[in-house]
N, C-alpha and C. Protein backbone atom coordinates (compact mmCIF):
# COMPACT_ATOMS: atom_id res chain seq x y z
N MET A 1 -152.69 -82.51 5.58
CA MET A 1 -153.36 -81.35 5.35
C MET A 1 -154.83 -81.61 4.92
N TRP A 2 -155.79 -80.73 5.46
CA TRP A 2 -157.20 -81.02 5.30
C TRP A 2 -157.55 -80.59 3.85
N ASN A 3 -158.24 -81.49 3.13
CA ASN A 3 -158.68 -81.28 1.83
C ASN A 3 -160.21 -81.21 1.81
N PRO A 4 -160.91 -80.05 1.52
CA PRO A 4 -162.32 -80.04 1.57
C PRO A 4 -163.03 -80.88 0.44
N PHE A 5 -162.20 -81.22 -0.62
CA PHE A 5 -162.90 -81.81 -1.78
C PHE A 5 -162.57 -83.47 -1.72
N ARG A 6 -161.99 -83.97 -0.65
CA ARG A 6 -161.56 -85.34 -0.64
C ARG A 6 -162.84 -86.28 -0.57
N ASN A 7 -163.95 -85.84 -0.01
CA ASN A 7 -165.11 -86.79 0.19
C ASN A 7 -166.21 -86.44 -0.77
N LEU A 8 -165.96 -85.85 -1.88
CA LEU A 8 -167.05 -85.51 -2.83
C LEU A 8 -167.69 -86.77 -3.41
N GLY A 9 -166.98 -87.90 -3.56
CA GLY A 9 -167.52 -89.17 -4.03
C GLY A 9 -168.20 -89.92 -3.00
N ASP A 10 -168.12 -89.64 -1.76
CA ASP A 10 -168.65 -90.39 -0.71
C ASP A 10 -170.23 -90.24 -0.63
N LYS A 11 -170.93 -91.19 -0.37
CA LYS A 11 -172.41 -91.21 -0.24
C LYS A 11 -172.85 -91.71 1.13
N PRO A 12 -173.95 -91.24 1.70
CA PRO A 12 -174.48 -91.74 2.89
C PRO A 12 -175.05 -93.12 2.71
N TYR A 13 -174.77 -93.94 3.64
CA TYR A 13 -175.22 -95.35 3.57
C TYR A 13 -175.80 -95.73 4.96
N GLU A 14 -176.79 -96.65 4.93
CA GLU A 14 -177.34 -97.26 6.20
C GLU A 14 -177.55 -98.69 5.99
N CYS A 15 -177.02 -99.44 6.85
CA CYS A 15 -177.11 -100.92 6.72
C CYS A 15 -178.42 -101.44 7.21
N PRO A 16 -179.15 -102.19 6.33
CA PRO A 16 -180.51 -102.66 6.83
C PRO A 16 -180.41 -103.78 7.78
N LEU A 17 -179.27 -104.40 7.97
CA LEU A 17 -179.17 -105.52 8.80
C LEU A 17 -178.58 -105.11 10.20
N CYS A 18 -177.59 -104.40 10.30
CA CYS A 18 -177.03 -104.03 11.62
C CYS A 18 -177.25 -102.60 12.05
N GLY A 19 -177.66 -101.70 11.05
CA GLY A 19 -178.09 -100.38 11.47
C GLY A 19 -176.83 -99.38 11.28
N TRP A 20 -175.71 -99.86 10.83
CA TRP A 20 -174.47 -98.90 10.71
C TRP A 20 -174.86 -97.83 9.70
N GLN A 21 -174.41 -96.64 10.11
CA GLN A 21 -174.66 -95.44 9.21
C GLN A 21 -173.37 -94.71 9.11
N GLY A 22 -173.10 -94.27 7.89
CA GLY A 22 -171.86 -93.57 7.54
C GLY A 22 -171.72 -93.31 6.07
N MET A 23 -170.56 -92.61 5.76
CA MET A 23 -170.15 -92.37 4.44
C MET A 23 -169.33 -93.40 3.83
N MET A 24 -169.43 -93.84 2.61
CA MET A 24 -168.72 -94.86 2.03
C MET A 24 -168.45 -94.40 0.59
N GLU A 25 -167.33 -94.88 0.02
CA GLU A 25 -167.08 -94.57 -1.38
C GLU A 25 -167.83 -95.69 -2.23
N PRO A 26 -168.78 -95.28 -3.06
CA PRO A 26 -169.45 -96.22 -3.83
C PRO A 26 -168.72 -96.90 -4.89
N SER A 27 -169.32 -98.15 -5.26
CA SER A 27 -168.61 -98.91 -6.28
C SER A 27 -169.57 -98.92 -7.49
N PRO A 28 -169.07 -98.52 -8.70
CA PRO A 28 -169.94 -98.56 -9.90
C PRO A 28 -170.30 -100.03 -10.28
N PRO A 29 -171.34 -100.31 -10.97
CA PRO A 29 -172.32 -99.43 -11.54
C PRO A 29 -173.54 -99.25 -10.60
N LEU A 30 -173.69 -100.00 -9.52
CA LEU A 30 -174.92 -99.90 -8.72
C LEU A 30 -174.79 -98.94 -7.57
N ASN A 31 -173.62 -98.42 -7.38
CA ASN A 31 -173.31 -97.54 -6.16
C ASN A 31 -173.49 -98.19 -4.87
N ASP A 32 -173.34 -99.53 -4.85
CA ASP A 32 -173.42 -100.25 -3.61
C ASP A 32 -172.05 -100.19 -2.92
N ALA A 33 -172.14 -100.53 -1.53
CA ALA A 33 -170.82 -100.63 -0.82
C ALA A 33 -171.04 -101.64 0.31
N PRO A 34 -170.04 -102.43 0.70
CA PRO A 34 -170.16 -103.33 1.72
C PRO A 34 -170.20 -102.68 3.16
N CYS A 35 -171.00 -103.09 4.03
CA CYS A 35 -171.02 -102.67 5.34
C CYS A 35 -169.74 -103.00 6.12
N PRO A 36 -169.06 -102.02 6.79
CA PRO A 36 -167.86 -102.34 7.55
C PRO A 36 -168.10 -103.17 8.75
N GLU A 37 -169.29 -103.25 9.26
CA GLU A 37 -169.62 -104.11 10.45
C GLU A 37 -169.95 -105.51 10.15
N CYS A 38 -170.89 -105.70 9.22
CA CYS A 38 -171.34 -107.09 8.92
C CYS A 38 -171.13 -107.52 7.56
N GLY A 39 -170.71 -106.68 6.67
CA GLY A 39 -170.40 -107.06 5.19
C GLY A 39 -171.59 -107.13 4.30
N THR A 40 -172.78 -106.79 4.74
CA THR A 40 -173.96 -106.74 3.91
C THR A 40 -173.84 -105.61 2.84
N LEU A 41 -174.15 -105.87 1.57
CA LEU A 41 -174.23 -104.77 0.61
C LEU A 41 -175.30 -103.74 0.85
N MET A 42 -174.95 -102.50 0.88
CA MET A 42 -175.79 -101.40 1.15
C MET A 42 -175.94 -100.50 -0.08
N LEU A 43 -177.16 -99.98 -0.29
CA LEU A 43 -177.37 -99.05 -1.33
C LEU A 43 -177.42 -97.62 -0.69
N PRO A 44 -176.95 -96.57 -1.39
CA PRO A 44 -176.90 -95.27 -0.76
C PRO A 44 -178.32 -94.70 -0.51
N ARG A 45 -178.41 -93.93 0.58
CA ARG A 45 -179.73 -93.29 0.86
C ARG A 45 -180.01 -92.11 -0.11
N SER A 46 -181.17 -91.99 -0.40
CA SER A 46 -181.61 -90.89 -1.37
C SER A 46 -181.50 -89.50 -0.77
N TRP A 47 -181.53 -88.43 -1.58
CA TRP A 47 -181.43 -87.16 -1.20
C TRP A 47 -182.63 -86.86 -0.24
N MET A 48 -183.80 -87.31 -0.65
CA MET A 48 -185.00 -87.05 0.23
C MET A 48 -184.81 -87.73 1.63
N ASP A 49 -184.15 -88.90 1.74
CA ASP A 49 -183.97 -89.53 3.08
C ASP A 49 -183.01 -88.69 3.92
N THR A 50 -181.94 -88.02 3.30
CA THR A 50 -180.95 -87.40 4.12
C THR A 50 -181.27 -85.89 4.44
N TRP A 51 -181.62 -85.13 3.43
CA TRP A 51 -181.92 -83.64 3.68
C TRP A 51 -183.22 -83.18 3.21
N GLY A 52 -183.89 -83.95 2.33
CA GLY A 52 -185.07 -83.51 1.70
C GLY A 52 -186.21 -83.16 2.78
N ARG A 53 -186.47 -84.04 3.68
CA ARG A 53 -187.50 -83.92 4.68
C ARG A 53 -187.18 -82.72 5.58
N THR A 54 -185.86 -82.58 5.93
CA THR A 54 -185.48 -81.48 6.87
C THR A 54 -185.69 -80.09 6.17
N ILE A 55 -185.40 -80.01 4.94
CA ILE A 55 -185.59 -78.71 4.23
C ILE A 55 -187.02 -78.43 4.01
N LEU A 56 -187.84 -79.49 3.76
CA LEU A 56 -189.24 -79.28 3.52
C LEU A 56 -189.93 -78.78 4.85
N ILE A 57 -189.53 -79.40 6.07
CA ILE A 57 -190.09 -78.91 7.31
C ILE A 57 -189.69 -77.58 7.69
N LEU A 58 -188.33 -77.22 7.36
CA LEU A 58 -187.80 -75.96 7.65
C LEU A 58 -188.60 -74.87 6.80
N SER A 59 -188.78 -75.23 5.60
CA SER A 59 -189.44 -74.17 4.69
C SER A 59 -190.96 -73.99 5.16
N LEU A 60 -191.58 -75.08 5.62
CA LEU A 60 -193.00 -74.86 6.04
C LEU A 60 -192.96 -74.05 7.33
N VAL A 61 -191.94 -74.16 8.28
CA VAL A 61 -191.94 -73.38 9.46
C VAL A 61 -191.70 -71.86 9.10
N VAL A 62 -190.79 -71.70 8.13
CA VAL A 62 -190.46 -70.30 7.72
C VAL A 62 -191.80 -69.72 7.17
N ALA A 63 -192.37 -70.40 6.29
CA ALA A 63 -193.71 -69.88 5.70
C ALA A 63 -194.69 -69.53 6.63
N ALA A 64 -194.90 -70.42 7.74
CA ALA A 64 -195.81 -70.17 8.77
C ALA A 64 -195.50 -68.96 9.66
N VAL A 65 -194.19 -68.77 9.89
CA VAL A 65 -193.79 -67.54 10.62
C VAL A 65 -193.99 -66.32 9.83
N LEU A 66 -193.66 -66.38 8.57
CA LEU A 66 -193.88 -65.15 7.74
C LEU A 66 -195.36 -64.80 7.61
N PHE A 67 -196.22 -65.90 7.40
CA PHE A 67 -197.60 -65.59 7.32
C PHE A 67 -198.14 -65.00 8.58
N VAL A 68 -197.72 -65.47 9.76
CA VAL A 68 -198.20 -64.85 11.04
C VAL A 68 -197.65 -63.53 11.24
N ALA A 69 -196.41 -63.30 10.87
CA ALA A 69 -195.85 -62.02 11.01
C ALA A 69 -196.49 -60.94 10.07
N TYR A 70 -196.95 -61.31 8.87
CA TYR A 70 -197.60 -60.41 8.01
C TYR A 70 -199.06 -60.21 8.46
N PHE A 71 -199.88 -61.18 8.63
CA PHE A 71 -201.26 -61.15 8.83
C PHE A 71 -201.56 -60.90 10.40
N GLY A 72 -200.66 -61.16 11.20
CA GLY A 72 -200.90 -60.99 12.65
C GLY A 72 -200.80 -59.63 13.13
N GLN A 73 -200.43 -58.62 12.30
CA GLN A 73 -200.21 -57.22 12.72
C GLN A 73 -201.43 -56.45 12.31
N GLY A 74 -202.51 -56.96 12.04
CA GLY A 74 -203.73 -56.29 11.76
C GLY A 74 -203.94 -55.90 10.35
N ASN A 75 -202.99 -56.32 9.42
CA ASN A 75 -203.16 -56.20 8.07
C ASN A 75 -204.29 -57.10 7.62
N ARG A 76 -205.31 -56.58 6.84
CA ARG A 76 -206.33 -57.31 6.42
C ARG A 76 -206.38 -57.39 4.85
N LEU A 77 -206.87 -58.50 4.34
CA LEU A 77 -206.95 -58.70 2.94
C LEU A 77 -208.05 -57.85 2.33
N TRP A 78 -209.17 -57.82 3.03
CA TRP A 78 -210.45 -57.25 2.47
C TRP A 78 -210.80 -55.93 3.20
N ASP A 79 -209.95 -54.92 3.02
CA ASP A 79 -210.27 -53.56 3.64
C ASP A 79 -211.00 -52.72 2.71
């Protein structure tokens, strides 16, 4: 049976040696995990590496669209 909470402890990893990417269960205290391909110890990727840049770019695009939608209809600041 599918459990939506089974992977809450998993973190995204990327091996600097072989390039393997995936989710692994971290081991305390350093949150490192061995690469399943080559055995190199990997540290988890940060939030900014995984979703931060995507959310930043998406918010800039939404802000630009809203700016053009408001000011592109002939609304002027100094009337």
